[in-house]
Amino acid sequence: MTSRDIDLSLAIRELSNAHEELSLLCRMSEVFSFLSIDEICVGITKEAVNTIGVQTAAVLFLNDNSDMLYTKTCQGKWYCERVIDKTVDVIWRQLVPEKHRHIAGS
């Protein structure tokens, strides 16, 4: 195989993966357009487990009044009553860009 063949093979694989992801998003948008927020969250966790193959999935919502993340729905080994406050810095660093942390209060 030449390097051009290898590059072509990699490009095809990347396009195929992107197509699968876009197809999943399209299917989800069609299905979820008629559902409630709770039903959408359950569907997201199920799709993550079934399509992506993860063992644990959770949807977290932000409570603006308390600056806490709370679990809306989950599957797998996630504790479904979990609430994550600002003291769990490893998570909040991923959610709030560094340049905005002082504004967000962390």
Protein backbone atom coordinates (compact mmCIF):
# COMPACT_ATOMS: atom_id res chain seq x y z
CA MET A 1 0.00 0.00 0.00
CA THR A 2 1.30 3.43 -0.87
CA SER A 3 1.10 6.40 1.48
CA ARG A 4 -1.59 7.84 -0.79
CA ASP A 5 -3.65 4.66 -0.35
CA ILE A 6 -3.20 4.87 3.42
CA ASP A 7 -4.21 8.55 3.45
CA LEU A 8 -7.26 7.76 1.34
CA SER A 9 -8.23 4.90 3.62
CA LEU A 10 -7.94 7.14 6.70
CA ALA A 11 -9.99 9.88 5.04
CA ILE A 12 -12.72 7.40 4.15
CA ARG A 13 -12.78 6.09 7.72
CA GLU A 14 -13.06 9.64 9.11
CA LEU A 15 -15.89 10.46 6.69
CA SER A 16 -17.67 7.25 7.64
CA ASN A 17 -17.40 8.08 11.36
CA ALA A 18 -18.65 11.62 10.75
CA HIS A 19 -21.56 10.23 8.72
CA GLU A 20 -22.53 7.89 11.57
CA GLU A 21 -22.43 10.77 14.07
CA LEU A 22 -24.54 13.01 11.82
CA SER A 23 -27.02 10.18 11.22
CA LEU A 24 -27.35 9.71 14.97
CA LEU A 25 -27.97 13.43 15.47
CA CYS A 26 -30.62 13.42 12.72
CA ARG A 27 -32.38 10.40 14.18
CA MET A 28 -32.31 11.95 17.64
CA SER A 29 -33.69 15.29 16.43
CA GLU A 30 -36.55 13.56 14.60
CA VAL A 31 -37.46 11.38 17.56
CA PHE A 32 -36.97 14.01 20.24
CA SER A 33 -38.93 16.79 18.52
CA PHE A 34 -42.20 15.41 19.93
CA LEU A 35 -41.00 14.51 23.44
CA SER A 36 -40.86 16.20 26.83
CA ILE A 37 -37.53 17.23 28.41
CA ASP A 38 -37.60 14.17 30.69
CA GLU A 39 -38.24 11.83 27.76
CA ILE A 40 -35.47 13.49 25.74
CA CYS A 41 -32.97 13.05 28.58
CA VAL A 42 -33.86 9.37 28.97
CA GLY A 43 -33.49 8.95 25.20
CA ILE A 44 -30.07 10.61 25.22
CA THR A 45 -28.74 8.27 27.88
CA LYS A 46 -30.19 5.22 26.11
CA GLU A 47 -28.67 6.29 22.77
CA ALA A 48 -25.31 6.87 24.43
CA VAL A 49 -25.34 3.39 25.94
CA ASN A 50 -26.68 1.62 22.84
CA THR A 51 -24.99 3.55 20.03
CA ILE A 52 -21.72 4.77 21.46
CA GLY A 53 -21.27 1.75 23.69
CA VAL A 54 -20.59 3.50 26.99
CA GLN A 55 -21.55 1.69 30.18
CA THR A 56 -22.57 4.78 32.14
CA ALA A 57 -24.37 7.87 30.88
CA ALA A 58 -25.95 10.84 32.63
CA VAL A 59 -27.58 14.11 31.70
CA LEU A 60 -26.82 16.94 34.10
CA PHE A 61 -28.70 20.24 34.35
CA LEU A 62 -27.38 23.47 35.80
CA ASN A 63 -29.34 25.17 38.56
CA ASP A 64 -28.52 28.84 37.94
CA ASN A 65 -29.69 29.87 41.40
CA SER A 66 -27.32 27.58 43.30
CA ASP A 67 -24.59 27.04 40.65
CA MET A 68 -24.99 23.30 41.08
CA LEU A 69 -25.24 20.56 38.51
CA TYR A 70 -27.91 18.01 39.25
CA THR A 71 -28.59 14.70 37.57
CA LYS A 72 -31.69 14.80 35.41
CA THR A 73 -31.44 11.15 34.33
CA CYS A 74 -28.82 8.42 34.25
CA GLN A 75 -28.02 4.84 33.31
CA GLY A 76 -25.30 2.53 34.53
CA LYS A 77 -23.18 3.07 37.62
CA TRP A 78 -23.94 6.80 38.02
CA TYR A 79 -25.66 7.78 41.29
CA CYS A 80 -28.89 9.31 39.97
CA GLU A 81 -29.35 11.61 42.98
CA ARG A 82 -25.87 13.12 42.49
CA VAL A 83 -25.49 16.89 42.76
CA ILE A 84 -22.19 18.52 41.87
CA ASP A 85 -21.34 21.89 43.39
CA LYS A 86 -18.56 24.35 42.56
CA THR A 87 -16.12 22.67 44.95
CA VAL A 88 -15.70 19.80 42.46
CA ASP A 89 -13.21 21.83 40.48
CA VAL A 90 -12.19 19.08 38.04
CA ILE A 91 -15.65 19.15 36.46
CA TRP A 92 -16.25 22.89 36.61
CA ARG A 93 -12.90 23.62 34.95
CA GLN A 94 -14.21 21.78 31.88
CA LEU A 95 -17.52 23.65 31.86
CA VAL A 96 -16.39 27.21 32.56
CA PRO A 97 -13.54 28.58 30.45
CA GLU A 98 -10.64 29.90 32.52
CA LYS A 99 -11.16 33.49 31.38
CA HIS A 100 -14.72 33.39 32.80
CA ARG A 101 -14.11 31.52 36.06
CA HIS A 102 -13.79 34.64 38.18
CA ILE A 103 -17.14 35.83 36.77
CA ALA A 104 -18.80 32.49 37.45
CA GLY A 105 -17.60 32.57 41.05
CA SER A 106 -15.18 29.64 41.03
